[in-house]
C-alpha cells in the first residue's frame, strides 16, 4: 500500500525499472535456443510481470484514493481499520503532516502510526484520528 507522495514516486520509479528489465529478459528469451533456458526466462518473466501487476494495482488504488473516486471501504474485520484510516487520510487529501497538525502531533508520529498500522496507538488516539478524518466506521458484533 502506498501511504504518501514520496512512496508514490518511488513506486512509479520501481515500475519503470521492472518494465526495462522485463523488456531485456524478453529480448534474451526470444534468442534462447535451449528449451531449459527458454523455460527459465519464462519463469523469470512471469515473476517480473506479477510484480509489475502488483505495483500497477497499488498505483491505481492510490490515484483513485487521491482523486476521491473511492468513497466507501468494506472490511471484514476490525483488524483492517488501520488500513482504512490511512486510505481515509489519502481520500481527504491530507498529508501525514497535516493530519498531525489537526491532532496536535508531529508528522513523524503519524508516519510511525501508519508504518506500524497503528499498533502503538491507543483506542482514544484511533478515535481521534477517525474524528479528524470525519469518517463513519460501522462494525457489526456477532455472537457465535
N, C-alpha and C. Protein backbone atom coordinates (compact mmCIF):
# COMPACT_ATOMS: atom_id res chain seq x y z
N UNK A 1 0.83 -1.18 0.00
CA UNK A 1 0.00 0.00 0.00
C UNK A 1 0.88 1.24 0.00
N UNK A 2 0.50 2.21 -0.80
CA UNK A 2 1.23 3.48 -0.88
C UNK A 2 0.60 4.44 0.11
N UNK A 3 1.44 5.04 1.00
CA UNK A 3 0.94 5.91 2.06
C UNK A 3 1.02 7.39 1.73
N UNK A 4 1.95 7.77 0.83
CA UNK A 4 2.16 9.20 0.59
C UNK A 4 2.79 9.43 -0.79
N UNK A 5 2.97 10.72 -1.12
CA UNK A 5 3.50 11.08 -2.44
C UNK A 5 4.93 10.57 -2.64
N UNK A 6 5.71 10.56 -1.59
CA UNK A 6 7.09 10.05 -1.70
C UNK A 6 7.07 8.59 -2.12
N UNK A 7 6.24 7.79 -1.44
CA UNK A 7 6.13 6.37 -1.79
C UNK A 7 5.53 6.20 -3.18
N UNK A 8 4.63 7.09 -3.55
CA UNK A 8 4.04 7.04 -4.89
C UNK A 8 5.14 7.20 -5.95
N UNK A 9 6.01 8.18 -5.74
CA UNK A 9 7.11 8.42 -6.67
C UNK A 9 8.08 7.24 -6.73
N UNK A 10 8.38 6.68 -5.58
CA UNK A 10 9.29 5.52 -5.53
C UNK A 10 8.66 4.34 -6.27
N UNK A 11 7.37 4.13 -6.06
CA UNK A 11 6.68 3.02 -6.72
C UNK A 11 6.68 3.20 -8.23
N UNK A 12 6.44 4.43 -8.69
CA UNK A 12 6.48 4.69 -10.13
C UNK A 12 7.87 4.41 -10.69
N UNK A 13 8.89 4.81 -9.97
CA UNK A 13 10.27 4.58 -10.40
C UNK A 13 10.57 3.08 -10.46
N UNK A 14 10.15 2.35 -9.45
CA UNK A 14 10.36 0.90 -9.43
C UNK A 14 9.63 0.23 -10.59
N UNK A 15 8.43 0.68 -10.89
CA UNK A 15 7.67 0.12 -12.00
C UNK A 15 8.43 0.30 -13.31
N UNK A 16 8.96 1.49 -13.52
CA UNK A 16 9.73 1.74 -14.76
C UNK A 16 10.95 0.82 -14.84
N UNK A 17 11.63 0.61 -13.70
CA UNK A 17 12.80 -0.27 -13.68
C UNK A 17 12.40 -1.70 -14.03
N UNK A 18 11.30 -2.17 -13.44
CA UNK A 18 10.83 -3.52 -13.73
C UNK A 18 10.49 -3.66 -15.21
N UNK A 19 9.86 -2.64 -15.78
CA UNK A 19 9.48 -2.70 -17.20
C UNK A 19 10.72 -2.80 -18.10
N UNK A 20 11.78 -2.09 -17.75
CA UNK A 20 13.03 -2.16 -18.52
C UNK A 20 13.63 -3.56 -18.42
N UNK A 21 13.63 -4.11 -17.22
CA UNK A 21 14.19 -5.46 -17.01
C UNK A 21 13.38 -6.50 -17.78
N UNK A 22 12.06 -6.36 -17.76
CA UNK A 22 11.20 -7.31 -18.48
C UNK A 22 11.49 -7.24 -19.98
N UNK A 23 11.64 -6.05 -20.51
CA UNK A 23 11.95 -5.91 -21.94
C UNK A 23 13.29 -6.57 -22.26
N UNK A 24 14.25 -6.41 -21.38
CA UNK A 24 15.57 -7.03 -21.54
C UNK A 24 15.47 -8.56 -21.52
N UNK A 25 14.75 -9.08 -20.55
CA UNK A 25 14.60 -10.54 -20.42
C UNK A 25 13.85 -11.10 -21.63
N UNK A 26 12.82 -10.39 -22.06
CA UNK A 26 12.04 -10.84 -23.22
C UNK A 26 12.91 -10.91 -24.46
N UNK A 27 13.78 -9.94 -24.63
CA UNK A 27 14.69 -9.94 -25.78
C UNK A 27 15.64 -11.13 -25.71
N UNK A 28 16.16 -11.41 -24.52
CA UNK A 28 17.05 -12.56 -24.36
C UNK A 28 16.30 -13.87 -24.56
N UNK A 29 15.06 -13.91 -24.07
CA UNK A 29 14.25 -15.13 -24.20
C UNK A 29 13.97 -15.44 -25.66
N UNK A 30 13.78 -14.41 -26.45
CA UNK A 30 13.48 -14.60 -27.86
C UNK A 30 14.65 -15.22 -28.61
N UNK A 31 15.85 -14.97 -28.13
CA UNK A 31 17.03 -15.52 -28.81
C UNK A 31 17.51 -16.84 -28.20
N UNK A 32 16.88 -17.28 -27.14
CA UNK A 32 17.28 -18.54 -26.49
C UNK A 32 16.88 -19.72 -27.36
N UNK A 33 17.79 -20.66 -27.51
CA UNK A 33 17.51 -21.84 -28.33
C UNK A 33 17.30 -23.09 -27.49
N UNK A 34 17.90 -23.12 -26.32
CA UNK A 34 17.78 -24.26 -25.41
C UNK A 34 16.43 -24.21 -24.69
N UNK A 35 15.71 -25.32 -24.66
CA UNK A 35 14.39 -25.38 -24.03
C UNK A 35 14.45 -25.04 -22.54
N UNK A 36 15.45 -25.56 -21.84
CA UNK A 36 15.60 -25.25 -20.41
C UNK A 36 15.84 -23.77 -20.18
N UNK A 37 16.64 -23.19 -21.04
CA UNK A 37 16.93 -21.77 -20.94
C UNK A 37 15.65 -20.96 -21.22
N UNK A 38 14.87 -21.37 -22.20
CA UNK A 38 13.61 -20.68 -22.51
C UNK A 38 12.65 -20.76 -21.31
N UNK A 39 12.62 -21.93 -20.67
CA UNK A 39 11.74 -22.11 -19.51
C UNK A 39 12.17 -21.22 -18.34
N UNK A 40 13.48 -21.09 -18.14
CA UNK A 40 13.99 -20.22 -17.08
C UNK A 40 13.63 -18.76 -17.37
N UNK A 41 13.81 -18.35 -18.62
CA UNK A 41 13.44 -16.99 -18.99
C UNK A 41 11.95 -16.75 -18.77
N UNK A 42 11.14 -17.73 -19.15
CA UNK A 42 9.69 -17.58 -19.00
C UNK A 42 9.29 -17.48 -17.53
N UNK A 43 9.92 -18.28 -16.68
CA UNK A 43 9.64 -18.23 -15.25
C UNK A 43 10.02 -16.87 -14.68
N UNK A 44 11.17 -16.38 -15.12
CA UNK A 44 11.63 -15.06 -14.67
C UNK A 44 10.67 -13.98 -15.15
N UNK A 45 10.25 -14.08 -16.41
CA UNK A 45 9.29 -13.11 -16.95
C UNK A 45 7.97 -13.14 -16.18
N UNK A 46 7.48 -14.32 -15.89
CA UNK A 46 6.22 -14.46 -15.15
C UNK A 46 6.33 -13.79 -13.77
N UNK A 47 7.44 -14.00 -13.09
CA UNK A 47 7.64 -13.41 -11.77
C UNK A 47 7.71 -11.88 -11.87
N UNK A 48 8.44 -11.40 -12.84
CA UNK A 48 8.57 -9.94 -13.02
C UNK A 48 7.23 -9.31 -13.40
N UNK A 49 6.51 -9.97 -14.30
CA UNK A 49 5.21 -9.44 -14.70
C UNK A 49 4.23 -9.43 -13.54
N UNK A 50 4.32 -10.40 -12.67
CA UNK A 50 3.48 -10.43 -11.48
C UNK A 50 3.79 -9.23 -10.59
N UNK A 51 5.06 -8.93 -10.43
CA UNK A 51 5.46 -7.78 -9.62
C UNK A 51 4.99 -6.48 -10.28
N UNK A 52 5.10 -6.39 -11.58
CA UNK A 52 4.63 -5.20 -12.30
C UNK A 52 3.14 -5.01 -12.08
N UNK A 53 2.39 -6.08 -12.17
CA UNK A 53 0.94 -6.01 -11.97
C UNK A 53 0.61 -5.52 -10.56
N UNK A 54 1.35 -6.01 -9.59
CA UNK A 54 1.13 -5.60 -8.20
C UNK A 54 1.42 -4.11 -8.02
N UNK A 55 2.51 -3.64 -8.58
CA UNK A 55 2.86 -2.22 -8.49
C UNK A 55 1.81 -1.36 -9.20
N UNK A 56 1.34 -1.81 -10.35
CA UNK A 56 0.32 -1.06 -11.08
C UNK A 56 -0.97 -0.97 -10.28
N UNK A 57 -1.34 -2.05 -9.61
CA UNK A 57 -2.55 -2.04 -8.79
C UNK A 57 -2.41 -1.07 -7.62
N UNK A 58 -1.25 -1.06 -6.98
CA UNK A 58 -1.02 -0.13 -5.88
C UNK A 58 -1.09 1.32 -6.38
N UNK A 59 -0.48 1.60 -7.52
CA UNK A 59 -0.52 2.95 -8.08
C UNK A 59 -1.94 3.36 -8.43
N UNK A 60 -2.69 2.46 -9.05
CA UNK A 60 -4.07 2.77 -9.42
C UNK A 60 -4.92 3.04 -8.18
N UNK A 61 -4.76 2.22 -7.15
CA UNK A 61 -5.54 2.43 -5.93
C UNK A 61 -5.21 3.79 -5.31
N UNK A 62 -3.93 4.12 -5.22
CA UNK A 62 -3.52 5.40 -4.64
C UNK A 62 -4.09 6.56 -5.45
N UNK A 63 -4.01 6.46 -6.77
CA UNK A 63 -4.53 7.53 -7.62
C UNK A 63 -6.04 7.67 -7.48
N UNK A 64 -6.76 6.56 -7.36
CA UNK A 64 -8.21 6.62 -7.14
C UNK A 64 -8.53 7.25 -5.79
N UNK A 65 -7.76 6.88 -4.77
CA UNK A 65 -7.96 7.47 -3.45
C UNK A 65 -7.72 8.97 -3.50
N UNK A 66 -6.61 9.38 -4.10
CA UNK A 66 -6.26 10.81 -4.20
C UNK A 66 -7.33 11.59 -4.97
N UNK A 67 -7.91 10.96 -5.98
CA UNK A 67 -8.91 11.64 -6.81
C UNK A 67 -10.31 11.60 -6.17
N UNK A 68 -10.42 10.92 -5.03
CA UNK A 68 -11.71 10.83 -4.36
C UNK A 68 -12.70 9.90 -5.05
N UNK A 69 -12.19 9.01 -5.88
CA UNK A 69 -13.05 8.08 -6.61
C UNK A 69 -13.49 6.90 -5.75
N UNK A 70 -12.84 6.72 -4.62
CA UNK A 70 -13.24 5.66 -3.68
C UNK A 70 -13.89 6.38 -2.50
N UNK A 71 -15.15 6.07 -2.26
CA UNK A 71 -15.88 6.77 -1.20
C UNK A 71 -16.31 5.86 -0.07
N UNK A 72 -16.13 4.57 -0.26
CA UNK A 72 -16.56 3.61 0.75
C UNK A 72 -15.63 2.41 0.72
N UNK A 73 -15.25 1.95 1.89
CA UNK A 73 -14.42 0.76 2.01
C UNK A 73 -15.18 -0.28 2.81
N UNK A 74 -15.13 -1.50 2.39
CA UNK A 74 -15.80 -2.58 3.12
C UNK A 74 -14.73 -3.53 3.63
N UNK A 75 -14.75 -3.76 4.93
CA UNK A 75 -13.79 -4.64 5.55
C UNK A 75 -14.52 -5.73 6.32
N UNK A 76 -13.85 -6.85 6.48
CA UNK A 76 -14.43 -8.00 7.17
C UNK A 76 -14.07 -8.05 8.65
N UNK A 77 -13.12 -7.24 9.05
CA UNK A 77 -12.62 -7.35 10.41
C UNK A 77 -12.11 -6.01 10.91
N UNK A 78 -12.16 -5.82 12.20
CA UNK A 78 -11.64 -4.62 12.82
C UNK A 78 -10.13 -4.50 12.63
N UNK A 79 -9.48 -5.61 12.36
CA UNK A 79 -8.02 -5.59 12.13
C UNK A 79 -7.67 -4.80 10.88
N UNK A 80 -8.63 -4.55 10.03
CA UNK A 80 -8.39 -3.80 8.80
C UNK A 80 -8.61 -2.30 8.99
N UNK A 81 -8.98 -1.89 10.21
CA UNK A 81 -9.21 -0.47 10.50
C UNK A 81 -7.99 0.40 10.21
N UNK A 82 -6.78 0.00 10.59
CA UNK A 82 -5.62 0.86 10.30
C UNK A 82 -5.49 1.20 8.81
N UNK A 83 -5.69 0.21 7.96
CA UNK A 83 -5.62 0.45 6.52
C UNK A 83 -6.71 1.44 6.10
N UNK A 84 -7.89 1.30 6.69
CA UNK A 84 -9.00 2.21 6.37
C UNK A 84 -8.66 3.64 6.79
N UNK A 85 -8.01 3.80 7.94
CA UNK A 85 -7.64 5.14 8.40
C UNK A 85 -6.63 5.78 7.45
N UNK A 86 -5.68 5.00 6.98
CA UNK A 86 -4.67 5.53 6.06
C UNK A 86 -5.34 5.92 4.74
N UNK A 87 -6.19 5.06 4.24
CA UNK A 87 -6.89 5.35 2.99
C UNK A 87 -7.80 6.57 3.14
N UNK A 88 -8.44 6.70 4.29
CA UNK A 88 -9.31 7.86 4.53
C UNK A 88 -8.50 9.15 4.53
N UNK A 89 -7.30 9.11 5.11
CA UNK A 89 -6.44 10.30 5.09
C UNK A 89 -6.12 10.71 3.66
N UNK A 90 -5.81 9.71 2.84
CA UNK A 90 -5.48 9.99 1.44
C UNK A 90 -6.70 10.56 0.72
N UNK A 91 -7.87 9.95 0.92
CA UNK A 91 -9.10 10.43 0.28
C UNK A 91 -9.40 11.86 0.70
N UNK A 92 -9.17 12.19 1.95
CA UNK A 92 -9.42 13.54 2.45
C UNK A 92 -8.39 14.55 1.94
N UNK A 93 -7.37 14.05 1.26
CA UNK A 93 -6.36 14.94 0.69
C UNK A 93 -5.40 15.49 1.72
N UNK A 94 -5.26 14.79 2.84
CA UNK A 94 -4.37 15.24 3.89
C UNK A 94 -3.04 14.52 3.82
N UNK A 95 -1.98 15.26 4.05
CA UNK A 95 -0.67 14.64 4.20
C UNK A 95 -0.56 14.15 5.63
N UNK A 96 0.46 13.38 5.90
CA UNK A 96 0.70 12.92 7.27
C UNK A 96 0.96 14.13 8.17
N UNK A 97 1.65 15.11 7.64
CA UNK A 97 1.94 16.33 8.40
C UNK A 97 0.65 17.08 8.73
N UNK A 98 -0.25 17.22 7.77
CA UNK A 98 -1.50 17.93 8.01
C UNK A 98 -2.37 17.21 9.04
N UNK A 99 -2.43 15.88 8.95
CA UNK A 99 -3.19 15.12 9.94
C UNK A 99 -2.58 15.31 11.32
N UNK A 100 -1.26 15.30 11.37
CA UNK A 100 -0.58 15.53 12.64
C UNK A 100 -0.93 16.89 13.23
N UNK A 101 -0.97 17.92 12.40
CA UNK A 101 -1.32 19.26 12.88
C UNK A 101 -2.73 19.28 13.46
N UNK A 102 -3.66 18.63 12.79
CA UNK A 102 -5.05 18.58 13.27
C UNK A 102 -5.10 17.90 14.64
N UNK A 103 -4.31 16.86 14.81
CA UNK A 103 -4.31 16.08 16.05
C UNK A 103 -3.36 16.63 17.11
N UNK A 104 -2.58 17.64 16.74
CA UNK A 104 -1.59 18.17 17.67
C UNK A 104 -0.39 17.27 17.83
N UNK A 105 -0.07 16.54 16.78
CA UNK A 105 1.07 15.62 16.78
C UNK A 105 2.06 16.02 15.69
N UNK A 106 3.27 15.55 15.82
CA UNK A 106 4.27 15.77 14.76
C UNK A 106 4.02 14.79 13.62
N UNK A 107 4.42 15.18 12.43
CA UNK A 107 4.26 14.32 11.25
C UNK A 107 4.93 12.97 11.45
N UNK A 108 6.06 12.95 12.16
CA UNK A 108 6.78 11.71 12.40
C UNK A 108 5.94 10.71 13.18
N UNK A 109 5.10 11.23 14.10
CA UNK A 109 4.25 10.33 14.88
C UNK A 109 3.19 9.69 13.98
N UNK A 110 2.63 10.46 13.08
CA UNK A 110 1.65 9.91 12.14
C UNK A 110 2.34 8.89 11.24
N UNK A 111 3.55 9.20 10.80
CA UNK A 111 4.31 8.25 9.98
C UNK A 111 4.54 6.95 10.74
N UNK A 112 4.89 7.05 12.02
CA UNK A 112 5.10 5.83 12.83
C UNK A 112 3.80 5.05 12.98
N UNK A 113 2.72 5.76 13.28
CA UNK A 113 1.43 5.08 13.41
C UNK A 113 1.11 4.32 12.13
N UNK A 114 1.26 4.97 11.00
CA UNK A 114 0.91 4.34 9.73
C UNK A 114 1.88 3.22 9.36
N UNK A 115 3.15 3.42 9.63
CA UNK A 115 4.15 2.39 9.31
C UNK A 115 3.91 1.11 10.10
N UNK A 116 3.38 1.27 11.31
CA UNK A 116 3.12 0.11 12.16
C UNK A 116 1.64 -0.28 12.15
N UNK A 117 0.90 0.31 11.22
CA UNK A 117 -0.55 0.07 11.11
C UNK A 117 -1.24 0.35 12.45
N UNK A 118 -0.86 1.47 13.07
CA UNK A 118 -1.46 1.97 14.31
C UNK A 118 -1.31 1.01 15.49
N UNK A 119 -0.30 0.14 15.44
CA UNK A 119 -0.10 -0.84 16.51
C UNK A 119 0.17 -0.17 17.86
N UNK A 120 0.85 0.96 17.87
CA UNK A 120 1.17 1.62 19.13
C UNK A 120 0.18 2.68 19.55
N UNK A 121 -0.88 2.85 18.78
CA UNK A 121 -1.87 3.90 19.09
C UNK A 121 -2.93 3.37 20.05
N UNK A 122 -3.30 4.21 20.98
CA UNK A 122 -4.37 3.84 21.92
C UNK A 122 -5.72 3.93 21.19
N UNK A 123 -6.72 3.32 21.77
CA UNK A 123 -8.06 3.39 21.21
C UNK A 123 -8.52 4.85 21.17
N UNK A 124 -8.18 5.61 22.19
CA UNK A 124 -8.53 7.03 22.23
C UNK A 124 -7.91 7.76 21.05
N UNK A 125 -6.66 7.45 20.74
CA UNK A 125 -5.98 8.12 19.62
C UNK A 125 -6.60 7.69 18.29
N UNK A 126 -6.95 6.43 18.16
CA UNK A 126 -7.58 5.94 16.92
C UNK A 126 -8.93 6.63 16.72
N UNK A 127 -9.68 6.80 17.79
CA UNK A 127 -10.96 7.50 17.69
C UNK A 127 -10.74 8.96 17.30
N UNK A 128 -9.69 9.58 17.84
CA UNK A 128 -9.35 10.96 17.48
C UNK A 128 -9.01 11.06 16.00
N UNK A 129 -8.28 10.08 15.49
CA UNK A 129 -7.94 10.06 14.05
C UNK A 129 -9.21 9.92 13.22
N UNK A 130 -10.08 9.03 13.64
CA UNK A 130 -11.35 8.81 12.94
C UNK A 130 -12.16 10.11 12.90
N UNK A 131 -12.23 10.81 14.01
CA UNK A 131 -12.98 12.07 14.06
C UNK A 131 -12.31 13.15 13.22
N UNK A 132 -10.99 13.22 13.26
CA UNK A 132 -10.25 14.21 12.47
C UNK A 132 -10.46 13.99 10.97
N UNK A 133 -10.61 12.73 10.59
CA UNK A 133 -10.82 12.40 9.18
C UNK A 133 -12.29 12.49 8.78
N UNK A 134 -13.14 12.69 9.78
CA UNK A 134 -14.58 12.81 9.55
C UNK A 134 -15.12 11.60 8.78
N UNK A 135 -14.83 10.43 9.32
CA UNK A 135 -15.32 9.20 8.69
C UNK A 135 -16.22 8.45 9.66
N UNK A 136 -17.12 7.72 9.09
CA UNK A 136 -18.03 6.89 9.86
C UNK A 136 -17.54 5.45 9.76
N UNK A 137 -17.44 4.81 10.92
CA UNK A 137 -16.99 3.42 10.96
C UNK A 137 -18.14 2.59 11.49
N UNK A 138 -18.51 1.60 10.72
CA UNK A 138 -19.58 0.71 11.14
C UNK A 138 -18.99 -0.68 11.29
N UNK A 139 -19.23 -1.27 12.41
CA UNK A 139 -18.74 -2.63 12.66
C UNK A 139 -19.85 -3.41 13.31
N UNK A 140 -20.02 -4.59 12.88
CA UNK A 140 -21.06 -5.46 13.41
C UNK A 140 -20.44 -6.41 14.42
N UNK A 141 -21.09 -6.56 15.54
CA UNK A 141 -20.64 -7.52 16.55
C UNK A 141 -21.56 -8.74 16.46
N UNK A 142 -20.96 -9.90 16.26
CA UNK A 142 -21.71 -11.13 16.08
C UNK A 142 -21.33 -12.09 17.21
N UNK A 143 -22.34 -12.61 17.91
CA UNK A 143 -22.10 -13.60 18.95
C UNK A 143 -22.37 -14.98 18.38
N UNK A 144 -21.34 -15.78 18.24
CA UNK A 144 -21.49 -17.14 17.69
C UNK A 144 -21.70 -18.14 18.79
